[in-house]
Amino acid sequence: MRIYLDKNVFDATIERIEFLFDEFNNIIVGFSGGKDSTVVLELTLMVAKRRNRLPIKVMWIDQEAEWEATVEMAEYEMTREEVEPLWLQMPFNMTNNASSFSRFNYCWDPEQKDLWIHPQHPISKKVNDYGVSRFHELFGAIIDKEFQGHKACYISGVRTEESPRRNMGLTQSACYKYITWGAKLNHKKELYTFYPIYDWSYTDVWKAILDNDWKYNKIYDLYYNYNVPIYQMRVSSLHHETALNSLTHIQQLEPQTWERLCARIGGANTVKHLNKNSFNCPKELPYMFQSWKEYAYYIIDNLVVDNENKEKVKHQLSLLEKQFTHPAIAKDMYRSIINTVLSNDWDFTRLNNWRTNPNVGIYLSWKNHRKGKEHLFAKCPYIPEEERIKWKMS
């Protein structure tokens, strides 16, 4: 249930950040070049200035395959007097969802220096001494090493508006004292991540930027002029599973970046020539298949080139088929597997996003006879209709 307070989200977020400054002597703000992280950084700087806590540590993990506008925005933020920069341009592995043949792109590969999509900056850190090589492992390792065992928090611009998974994760249980809008990076070492604008809408974000005349990433203007939907306006990593649509219009928006990207990232040019819906499961079952199950197994067998990935996705599917047996949820489960294959998502990010959908959780509660969510059974589309009617009448 959503509870509305007699205050706006801007003031509520200032109070949240004030609380973090009360609780933590060591604070680092994550930056991506996007509108959300821009707002979080500006609000944190406001609080830090008032408390005489400047400069503030700001971290950007530069994934090399970035928009030129994003790099320009990062350079502006990282060179401000109020900022202590941690601009990371160091080697690490990033999933390459543009290719069916090469799963990873080795960012900042010293042997590919002549092909780097943009140059390293003089102030950036260029050596990976964090003991991990995968992108998703870096955040916890960086915070741990940079603060060397001291209590610390990482502030990020994650919002829940378009993600039921995020909304559930940031509103249901406390991660620090009474705070739900965060996560434990390492509870034993007292390292945490917090998302103080988790309840903002995208209109709140743009209002804050325009009201305060904050500088923002100009790629948004190009996106807008090109009629790119708001939910597809990604500003970082041009070959991530959620950014593949960017490859279909980057040639028009930043042609110089496109040329360097094609020379550096396997599969980028191929994606550009595909239909923009090629990475998503079709809404209707293709006429040549009798069921979504048949379609899912067909694309696994014919589109997954690497045998290891093929076995991984089939193993995932075999586990899911035991859990989700009723027709309505089985259909969406197969569609999620199809999305996984079409976007070369071998970390199963899109599948996990579906798996943490609230209705999936309600279905599992019903199927496993768990207590506590019975009031939700009547409205869950994944529960058989006769069961929903029964719960509606009870």
Protein backbone atom coordinates (compact mmCIF):
# COMPACT_ATOMS: atom_id res chain seq x y z
CA MET A 1 0.00 0.00 0.00
CA ARG A 2 1.32 3.45 -0.95
CA ILE A 3 1.14 6.07 1.82
CA TYR A 4 1.23 9.73 0.78
CA LEU A 5 2.83 12.32 3.06
CA ASP A 6 2.20 16.05 3.31
CA LYS A 7 5.50 16.85 1.56
CA ASN A 8 6.94 16.67 -1.94
CA VAL A 9 9.56 14.15 -3.04
CA PHE A 10 12.25 16.84 -3.30
CA ASP A 11 11.97 17.77 0.38
CA ALA A 12 11.58 14.13 1.41
CA THR A 13 14.82 13.25 -0.40
CA ILE A 14 16.74 16.10 1.23
CA GLU A 15 15.64 14.68 4.60
CA ARG A 16 16.79 11.20 3.56
CA ILE A 17 20.22 12.45 2.52
CA GLU A 18 20.48 14.48 5.74
CA PHE A 19 19.85 11.23 7.61
CA LEU A 20 22.66 9.50 5.68
CA PHE A 21 25.06 12.31 6.61
CA ASP A 22 24.07 11.84 10.26
CA GLU A 23 24.75 8.12 10.08
CA PHE A 24 27.82 7.87 7.82
CA ASN A 25 31.13 9.70 7.83
CA ASN A 26 32.10 8.00 4.59
CA ILE A 27 29.81 8.69 1.64
CA ILE A 28 30.32 8.12 -2.08
CA VAL A 29 27.84 9.03 -4.81
CA GLY A 30 27.48 6.82 -7.87
CA PHE A 31 27.29 8.58 -11.21
CA SER A 32 26.26 7.18 -14.60
CA GLY A 33 25.80 10.33 -16.67
CA GLY A 34 22.01 9.94 -16.55
CA LYS A 35 19.31 12.26 -15.24
CA ASP A 36 18.67 10.24 -12.06
CA SER A 37 22.28 10.13 -10.90
CA THR A 38 22.61 13.83 -11.80
CA VAL A 39 19.75 14.71 -9.45
CA VAL A 40 21.13 12.52 -6.65
CA LEU A 41 24.57 14.10 -6.99
CA GLU A 42 23.22 17.66 -6.97
CA LEU A 43 21.04 17.00 -3.91
CA THR A 44 23.95 15.36 -2.08
CA LEU A 45 26.18 18.34 -2.87
CA MET A 46 23.51 20.67 -1.48
CA VAL A 47 23.45 18.80 1.83
CA ALA A 48 27.24 18.43 1.95
CA LYS A 49 27.78 22.15 1.39
CA ARG A 50 25.34 23.04 4.16
CA ARG A 51 27.17 20.66 6.52
CA ASN A 52 30.67 21.68 5.46
CA ARG A 53 31.34 18.13 4.18
CA LEU A 54 32.74 19.04 0.77
CA PRO A 55 34.28 17.64 -1.35
CA ILE A 56 32.09 14.57 -1.90
CA LYS A 57 33.48 11.38 -3.39
CA VAL A 58 31.85 10.62 -6.75
CA MET A 59 32.38 7.34 -8.61
CA TRP A 60 31.82 6.59 -12.30
CA ILE A 61 32.67 3.17 -13.72
CA ASP A 62 33.42 4.16 -17.30
CA GLN A 63 32.39 1.25 -19.53
CA GLU A 64 34.27 2.62 -22.56
CA ALA A 65 31.34 1.98 -24.93
CA GLU A 66 29.66 5.21 -23.83
CA TRP A 67 27.86 8.04 -25.58
CA GLU A 68 30.15 11.00 -26.24
CA ALA A 69 27.55 13.18 -24.50
CA THR A 70 27.78 10.94 -21.42
CA VAL A 71 31.56 11.27 -21.32
CA GLU A 72 31.26 15.06 -21.58
CA MET A 73 28.75 15.09 -18.73
CA ALA A 74 31.00 12.91 -16.58
CA GLU A 75 33.99 15.15 -17.23
CA TYR A 76 31.98 18.17 -16.11
CA GLU A 77 30.98 16.49 -12.84
CA MET A 78 34.34 14.90 -12.11
CA THR A 79 36.28 18.15 -12.49
CA ARG A 80 34.07 20.25 -10.17
CA GLU A 81 35.76 21.70 -7.07
CA GLU A 82 33.08 20.16 -4.86
CA VAL A 83 33.87 16.66 -6.11
CA GLU A 84 36.58 14.18 -5.17
CA PRO A 85 36.57 12.05 -8.35
CA LEU A 86 36.87 8.32 -8.67
CA TRP A 87 36.66 8.00 -12.45
CA LEU A 88 37.42 4.37 -13.22
CA GLN A 89 38.83 3.69 -16.69
CA MET A 90 40.41 0.35 -15.92
CA PRO A 91 40.22 -3.14 -17.47
CA PHE A 92 37.18 -5.27 -16.57
CA ASN A 93 34.75 -7.60 -18.34
CA MET A 94 31.38 -6.30 -19.49
CA THR A 95 28.64 -8.50 -20.96
CA ASN A 96 28.35 -7.93 -24.71
CA ASN A 97 24.70 -8.54 -25.55
CA ALA A 98 25.18 -7.37 -29.14
CA SER A 99 26.94 -10.61 -30.07
CA SER A 100 25.99 -14.29 -30.09
CA PHE A 101 29.63 -15.29 -30.42
CA SER A 102 31.60 -13.19 -27.89
CA ARG A 103 29.91 -13.01 -24.49
CA PHE A 104 32.18 -10.34 -23.01
CA ASN A 105 33.80 -7.12 -24.04
CA TYR A 106 37.09 -6.50 -22.25
CA CYS A 107 36.73 -2.80 -21.48
CA TRP A 108 39.90 -0.70 -21.66
CA ASP A 109 41.84 -3.63 -23.06
CA PRO A 110 45.45 -2.33 -23.23
CA GLU A 111 46.07 -4.42 -26.35
CA GLN A 112 43.16 -2.65 -28.10
CA LYS A 113 44.18 0.87 -27.14
CA ASP A 114 44.12 2.13 -30.73
CA LEU A 115 40.45 1.04 -30.95
CA TRP A 116 39.19 2.51 -27.67
CA ILE A 117 35.87 4.26 -28.19
CA HIS A 118 37.04 7.31 -26.27
CA PRO A 119 40.39 8.15 -24.63
CA GLN A 120 41.30 7.87 -20.97
CA HIS A 121 41.19 11.07 -18.96
CA PRO A 122 44.26 12.31 -17.02
CA ILE A 123 42.41 12.22 -13.66
CA SER A 124 40.98 8.72 -14.05
CA LYS A 125 42.14 5.55 -12.28
CA LYS A 126 43.55 3.16 -14.86
CA VAL A 127 44.59 0.10 -12.84
CA ASN A 128 42.10 -2.49 -11.60
CA ASP A 129 43.41 -3.46 -8.16
CA TYR A 130 40.04 -4.49 -6.72
CA GLY A 131 40.47 -8.25 -7.14
CA VAL A 132 37.42 -8.77 -9.40
CA SER A 133 36.95 -8.62 -13.17
CA ARG A 134 33.18 -8.61 -13.77
CA PHE A 135 31.25 -5.33 -13.88
CA HIS A 136 28.54 -6.37 -11.43
CA GLU A 137 31.18 -7.43 -8.87
CA LEU A 138 32.99 -4.10 -8.93
CA PHE A 139 30.66 -1.96 -6.80
CA GLY A 140 31.03 -3.88 -3.56
CA ALA A 141 34.76 -4.46 -4.12
CA ILE A 142 35.39 -0.77 -4.80
CA ILE A 143 33.52 0.47 -1.72
CA ASP A 144 35.27 -2.15 0.43
CA LYS A 145 38.76 -1.19 -0.76
CA GLU A 146 38.29 2.57 -0.92
CA PHE A 147 37.01 2.78 2.66
CA GLN A 148 39.20 -0.03 4.04
CA GLY A 149 36.92 -1.51 6.66
CA HIS A 150 35.20 1.72 7.73
CA LYS A 151 31.43 2.11 7.83
CA ALA A 152 30.37 3.65 4.50
CA CYS A 153 27.46 4.13 2.12
CA TYR A 154 27.05 4.39 -1.62
CA ILE A 155 24.26 6.69 -2.86
CA SER A 156 22.66 5.78 -6.17
CA GLY A 157 19.92 7.15 -8.44
CA VAL A 158 17.77 4.04 -8.74
CA ARG A 159 14.01 4.67 -9.03
CA THR A 160 11.12 2.18 -8.82
CA GLU A 161 8.69 3.82 -11.24
CA GLU A 162 9.05 1.32 -14.09
CA SER A 163 10.19 -1.75 -12.16
CA PRO A 164 7.90 -3.85 -9.93
CA ARG A 165 11.00 -5.77 -8.85
CA ARG A 166 12.67 -2.61 -7.56
CA ASN A 167 9.46 -1.42 -5.93
CA MET A 168 9.13 -4.65 -3.96
CA GLY A 169 12.78 -4.64 -2.97
CA LEU A 170 12.79 -1.05 -1.73
CA THR A 171 9.51 -0.92 0.17
CA GLN A 172 9.08 -4.24 1.97
CA SER A 173 11.87 -4.69 4.50
CA ALA A 174 14.43 -2.58 6.32
CA CYS A 175 18.08 -2.81 5.30
CA TYR A 176 19.47 -0.27 7.78
CA LYS A 177 17.66 0.69 10.99
CA TYR A 178 14.16 1.60 9.74
CA ILE A 179 15.28 2.39 6.15
CA THR A 180 13.83 0.24 3.34
CA TRP A 181 15.15 2.29 0.37
CA GLY A 182 18.53 0.63 0.24
CA ALA A 183 20.46 -2.62 0.26
CA LYS A 184 23.26 -4.26 2.21
CA LEU A 185 26.53 -4.42 0.29
CA ASN A 186 28.24 -6.08 3.25
CA HIS A 187 26.35 -6.01 6.53
CA LYS A 188 29.28 -7.33 8.56
CA LYS A 189 31.57 -4.55 7.28
CA GLU A 190 28.73 -1.98 7.50
CA LEU A 191 28.73 -1.15 3.80
CA TYR A 192 25.39 -0.09 2.32
CA THR A 193 23.76 1.25 -0.83
CA PHE A 194 20.91 3.76 -0.63
CA TYR A 195 18.44 5.04 -3.22
CA PRO A 196 17.00 8.32 -1.88
CA ILE A 197 14.96 9.15 -5.03
CA TYR A 198 13.42 5.68 -5.26
CA ASP A 199 9.86 7.09 -5.22
CA TRP A 200 10.39 9.85 -7.81
CA SER A 201 8.70 9.85 -11.21
CA TYR A 202 10.62 10.88 -14.33
CA THR A 203 8.61 14.14 -14.28
CA ASP A 204 9.90 14.85 -10.75
CA VAL A 205 13.44 14.34 -12.02
CA TRP A 206 13.09 16.73 -14.94
CA LYS A 207 11.29 19.34 -12.83
CA ALA A 208 14.17 19.33 -10.33
CA ILE A 209 16.73 19.69 -13.13
CA LEU A 210 14.90 22.54 -14.83
CA ASP A 211 13.85 24.38 -11.64
CA ASN A 212 17.45 24.42 -10.41
CA ASP A 213 19.07 24.95 -13.83
CA TRP A 214 21.29 21.91 -13.32
CA LYS A 215 23.44 20.76 -16.22
CA TYR A 216 22.24 17.48 -17.75
CA ASN A 217 23.30 14.98 -20.41
CA LYS A 218 22.42 16.42 -23.82
CA ILE A 219 21.85 12.97 -25.28
CA TYR A 220 18.33 13.31 -23.84
CA ASP A 221 17.62 16.20 -26.19
CA LEU A 222 18.78 14.12 -29.15
CA TYR A 223 16.65 11.19 -27.96
CA TYR A 224 13.62 13.46 -27.66
CA ASN A 225 14.08 14.93 -31.12
CA TYR A 226 14.42 11.41 -32.50
CA ASN A 227 11.14 10.30 -30.82
CA VAL A 228 12.81 7.67 -28.66
CA PRO A 229 10.38 6.45 -25.94
CA ILE A 230 11.25 7.65 -22.44
CA TYR A 231 11.85 4.14 -21.09
CA GLN A 232 14.45 3.51 -23.83
CA MET A 233 16.51 6.64 -23.13
CA ARG A 234 19.57 4.87 -21.73
CA VAL A 235 22.79 6.83 -21.41
CA SER A 236 25.41 4.25 -20.40
CA SER A 237 26.87 1.05 -21.89
CA LEU A 238 25.86 0.77 -25.52
CA HIS A 239 25.87 -3.05 -25.59
CA HIS A 240 24.08 -3.96 -22.34
CA GLU A 241 20.95 -6.14 -22.59
CA THR A 242 18.72 -3.16 -21.72
CA ALA A 243 20.48 -0.81 -24.16
CA LEU A 244 20.38 -2.75 -27.42
CA ASN A 245 17.73 -0.44 -28.86
CA SER A 246 20.28 2.38 -28.67
CA LEU A 247 22.30 0.62 -31.35
CA THR A 248 19.46 1.10 -33.84
CA HIS A 249 19.72 4.90 -33.78
CA ILE A 250 23.20 5.79 -32.52
CA GLN A 251 24.40 6.22 -36.12
CA GLN A 252 21.98 9.14 -36.52
CA LEU A 253 22.56 10.68 -33.09
CA GLU A 254 26.34 10.37 -32.71
CA PRO A 255 27.86 9.15 -35.99
CA GLN A 256 31.43 9.53 -34.72
CA THR A 257 30.67 7.27 -31.75
CA TRP A 258 28.99 4.77 -34.06
CA GLU A 259 32.08 4.38 -36.22
CA ARG A 260 34.31 3.70 -33.23
CA LEU A 261 31.74 1.37 -31.68
CA CYS A 262 31.53 -0.81 -34.81
CA ALA A 263 35.31 -1.16 -34.90
CA ARG A 264 35.46 -2.14 -31.22
CA ILE A 265 32.30 -4.10 -30.31
CA GLY A 266 31.45 -7.37 -32.04
CA GLY A 267 27.88 -7.56 -33.28
CA ALA A 268 27.10 -3.83 -33.04
CA ASN A 269 26.75 -3.33 -36.78
CA THR A 270 24.57 -6.43 -37.11
CA VAL A 271 22.18 -5.17 -34.42
CA LYS A 272 21.89 -1.83 -36.24
CA HIS A 273 20.39 -3.58 -39.26
CA LEU A 274 17.85 -5.57 -37.30
CA ASN A 275 14.29 -4.50 -36.64
CA LYS A 276 14.09 -2.63 -33.34
CA ASN A 277 11.76 -5.33 -31.99
CA SER A 278 14.22 -8.11 -32.80
CA PHE A 279 15.42 -8.26 -29.16
CA ASN A 280 11.93 -8.82 -27.73
CA CYS A 281 9.51 -11.69 -27.82
CA PRO A 282 6.65 -11.02 -30.28
CA LYS A 283 3.24 -10.27 -28.79
CA GLU A 284 1.56 -12.98 -30.82
CA LEU A 285 2.76 -16.56 -31.21
CA PRO A 286 4.29 -16.98 -34.70
CA TYR A 287 1.85 -18.95 -36.87
CA MET A 288 4.28 -21.79 -37.59
CA PHE A 289 4.40 -22.88 -33.91
CA GLN A 290 1.74 -24.71 -31.93
CA SER A 291 2.73 -23.32 -28.52
CA TRP A 292 5.05 -20.86 -26.76
CA LYS A 293 6.92 -23.87 -25.38
CA GLU A 294 7.65 -25.15 -28.89
CA TYR A 295 8.76 -21.68 -29.97
CA ALA A 296 11.05 -21.27 -26.92
CA TYR A 297 12.83 -24.57 -27.50
CA TYR A 298 13.14 -23.84 -31.21
CA ILE A 299 14.99 -20.55 -30.72
CA ILE A 300 17.19 -22.07 -28.00
CA ASP A 301 18.23 -24.86 -30.36
CA ASN A 302 18.72 -22.61 -33.38
CA LEU A 303 19.87 -19.21 -32.07
CA VAL A 304 22.11 -20.05 -29.12
CA VAL A 305 25.48 -20.68 -30.73
CA ASP A 306 27.59 -21.46 -27.68
CA ASN A 307 26.86 -24.93 -26.26
CA GLU A 308 27.62 -23.83 -22.70
CA ASN A 309 25.04 -21.03 -22.92
CA LYS A 310 22.58 -23.41 -24.54
CA GLU A 311 22.88 -25.82 -21.62
CA LYS A 312 22.60 -22.97 -19.12
CA VAL A 313 19.36 -21.66 -20.56
CA LYS A 314 17.88 -25.17 -20.90
CA HIS A 315 18.75 -25.86 -17.28
CA GLN A 316 17.01 -22.65 -16.23
CA LEU A 317 13.99 -23.60 -18.29
CA SER A 318 13.78 -27.09 -16.79
CA LEU A 319 13.70 -25.57 -13.29
CA LEU A 320 11.07 -23.02 -14.25
CA GLU A 321 8.84 -25.63 -15.87
CA LYS A 322 8.60 -27.44 -12.52
CA GLN A 323 7.51 -24.24 -10.77
CA PHE A 324 5.17 -22.63 -13.27
CA THR A 325 2.77 -25.27 -14.48
CA HIS A 326 -0.48 -23.40 -15.04
CA PRO A 327 -1.13 -22.11 -18.59
CA ALA A 328 -1.28 -18.35 -17.94
CA ILE A 329 2.01 -18.12 -16.08
CA ALA A 330 3.69 -20.78 -18.24
CA LYS A 331 3.06 -18.61 -21.30
CA ASP A 332 4.82 -15.61 -19.73
CA MET A 333 7.61 -17.83 -18.44
CA TYR A 334 8.34 -19.08 -21.97
CA ARG A 335 8.15 -15.52 -23.29
CA SER A 336 10.76 -14.48 -20.72
CA ILE A 337 13.06 -17.26 -21.88
CA ILE A 338 12.56 -16.08 -25.46
CA ASN A 339 13.49 -12.53 -24.41
CA THR A 340 16.62 -13.92 -22.76
CA VAL A 341 17.75 -15.67 -25.94
CA LEU A 342 16.92 -12.79 -28.29
CA SER A 343 18.99 -10.36 -26.21
CA ASN A 344 21.89 -12.79 -25.55
CA ASP A 345 21.28 -12.27 -21.83
CA TRP A 346 23.28 -15.14 -20.36
CA ASP A 347 23.35 -13.50 -16.91
CA PHE A 348 19.53 -13.90 -16.96
CA THR A 349 18.86 -10.28 -16.01
CA ARG A 350 15.60 -10.04 -17.93
CA LEU A 351 14.47 -13.45 -16.70
CA ASN A 352 15.16 -12.49 -13.09
CA ASN A 353 13.24 -9.25 -13.58
CA TRP A 354 10.21 -11.31 -14.60
CA ARG A 355 10.75 -13.83 -11.81
CA THR A 356 10.60 -11.05 -9.19
CA ASN A 357 7.38 -9.58 -10.62
CA PRO A 358 4.82 -9.24 -7.76
CA ASN A 359 2.28 -11.46 -9.54
CA VAL A 360 4.85 -14.23 -9.84
CA GLY A 361 5.41 -14.05 -6.09
CA ILE A 362 1.66 -14.14 -5.45
CA TYR A 363 1.28 -17.16 -7.73
CA LEU A 364 4.03 -19.04 -5.86
CA SER A 365 2.41 -18.16 -2.52
CA TRP A 366 -0.88 -19.60 -3.78
CA LYS A 367 0.72 -22.70 -5.27
CA ASN A 368 2.78 -23.44 -2.15
CA HIS A 369 -0.08 -22.64 0.27
CA ARG A 370 1.83 -19.86 1.99
CA LYS A 371 0.04 -17.64 4.46
CA GLY A 372 -0.16 -13.87 4.35
CA LYS A 373 -1.07 -13.03 0.75
CA GLU A 374 -4.52 -14.60 0.47
CA HIS A 375 -6.11 -11.18 -0.02
CA LEU A 376 -4.18 -10.85 -3.30
CA PHE A 377 -5.11 -14.20 -4.83
CA ALA A 378 -8.41 -12.99 -6.35
CA LYS A 379 -6.65 -10.42 -8.57
CA CYS A 380 -3.57 -12.38 -9.67
CA PRO A 381 -3.84 -13.16 -13.41
CA TYR A 382 -1.57 -16.19 -13.06
CA ILE A 383 -3.92 -18.06 -10.73
CA PRO A 384 -6.59 -20.16 -12.51
CA GLU A 385 -9.89 -18.31 -12.93
CA GLU A 386 -11.94 -20.76 -10.88
CA GLU A 387 -9.52 -20.28 -7.97
CA ARG A 388 -9.67 -16.48 -8.29
CA ILE A 389 -13.47 -16.58 -8.17
CA LYS A 390 -13.30 -18.75 -5.05
CA TRP A 391 -11.00 -16.26 -3.28
CA LYS A 392 -13.08 -13.30 -4.46
CA MET A 393 -16.15 -14.79 -2.81
CA SER A 394 -14.41 -15.83 0.39
